[in-house]
Amino acid sequence: MIDARGQSCPIPVVMVQREVNARHPEELQVVVDAMVCVENITRYAHHQNYEVTVAKDGGEYTMTLKKK
């Protein structure tokens, strides 16, 4: 799981990119606290052939990226 709360873009996207490039996970969870991060990570994930689901809890978003 990547905890990117409190980070401004593009840092959360870079954190996800590093994890994807290093480990090629089938599934990855990312926690962020800004909708712009959700949008940017989703865009990156789709380019990497991941499906994305998002669950909102208060001001936090838990994203689940699953390899297609």
Protein backbone atom coordinates (compact mmCIF):
# COMPACT_ATOMS: atom_id res chain seq x y z
CA MET A 1 0.00 0.00 0.00
CA ILE A 2 1.18 3.49 -0.84
CA ASP A 3 0.24 6.26 1.58
CA ALA A 4 0.46 9.51 -0.38
CA ARG A 5 -1.69 11.62 1.95
CA GLY A 6 -0.37 15.13 2.31
CA GLN A 7 1.64 14.91 -0.92
CA SER A 8 1.05 17.31 -3.80
CA CYS A 9 1.03 16.14 -7.40
CA PRO A 10 3.07 14.92 -9.10
CA ILE A 11 4.60 13.17 -6.06
CA PRO A 12 1.78 10.59 -5.61
CA VAL A 13 1.96 9.68 -9.30
CA VAL A 14 5.75 9.29 -9.05
CA MET A 15 5.31 7.05 -5.98
CA VAL A 16 2.89 4.82 -7.90
CA GLN A 17 5.12 4.83 -10.98
CA ARG A 18 8.13 3.67 -8.94
CA GLU A 19 6.16 0.84 -7.37
CA VAL A 20 4.71 -0.30 -10.70
CA ASN A 21 8.12 -0.21 -12.40
CA ALA A 22 9.90 -1.98 -9.54
CA ARG A 23 7.41 -4.72 -8.66
CA HIS A 24 4.81 -4.92 -11.45
CA PRO A 25 2.06 -5.67 -8.89
CA GLU A 26 -1.17 -7.35 -9.93
CA GLU A 27 -2.95 -5.17 -7.38
CA LEU A 28 -1.93 -2.00 -5.58
CA GLN A 29 -3.71 0.22 -3.06
CA VAL A 30 -3.00 3.93 -2.84
CA VAL A 31 -4.37 6.38 -0.27
CA VAL A 32 -4.52 10.06 -1.21
CA ASP A 33 -6.34 13.11 0.12
CA ALA A 34 -6.92 15.18 -3.02
CA MET A 35 -9.20 14.56 -5.99
CA VAL A 36 -6.55 15.86 -8.40
CA CYS A 37 -4.28 13.01 -7.23
CA VAL A 38 -7.08 10.52 -7.90
CA GLU A 39 -7.48 11.89 -11.41
CA ASN A 40 -3.75 11.90 -12.20
CA ILE A 41 -3.07 8.43 -10.76
CA THR A 42 -6.10 7.06 -12.61
CA ARG A 43 -4.81 8.49 -15.90
CA TYR A 44 -1.36 6.96 -15.30
CA ALA A 45 -2.85 3.61 -14.21
CA HIS A 46 -4.97 3.33 -17.35
CA HIS A 47 -1.87 3.88 -19.48
CA GLN A 48 -0.22 1.01 -17.57
CA ASN A 49 -3.19 -1.31 -18.19
CA TYR A 50 -4.69 -1.13 -14.68
CA GLU A 51 -8.35 -0.84 -13.78
CA VAL A 52 -9.01 1.65 -10.98
CA THR A 53 -11.68 1.72 -8.29
CA VAL A 54 -11.96 4.52 -5.75
CA ALA A 55 -13.55 4.51 -2.31
CA LYS A 56 -14.03 7.84 -0.54
CA ASP A 57 -13.93 8.06 3.24
CA GLY A 58 -14.27 11.62 4.48
CA GLY A 59 -11.48 13.57 2.82
CA GLU A 60 -9.46 10.51 1.88
CA TYR A 61 -9.59 8.32 -1.19
CA THR A 62 -8.47 4.71 -1.26
CA MET A 63 -7.63 3.68 -4.80
CA THR A 64 -7.30 0.06 -5.86
CA LEU A 65 -5.37 -0.56 -9.05
CA LYS A 66 -5.84 -4.03 -10.59
CA LYS A 67 -3.95 -5.30 -13.61
CA LYS A 68 -6.27 -5.98 -16.56
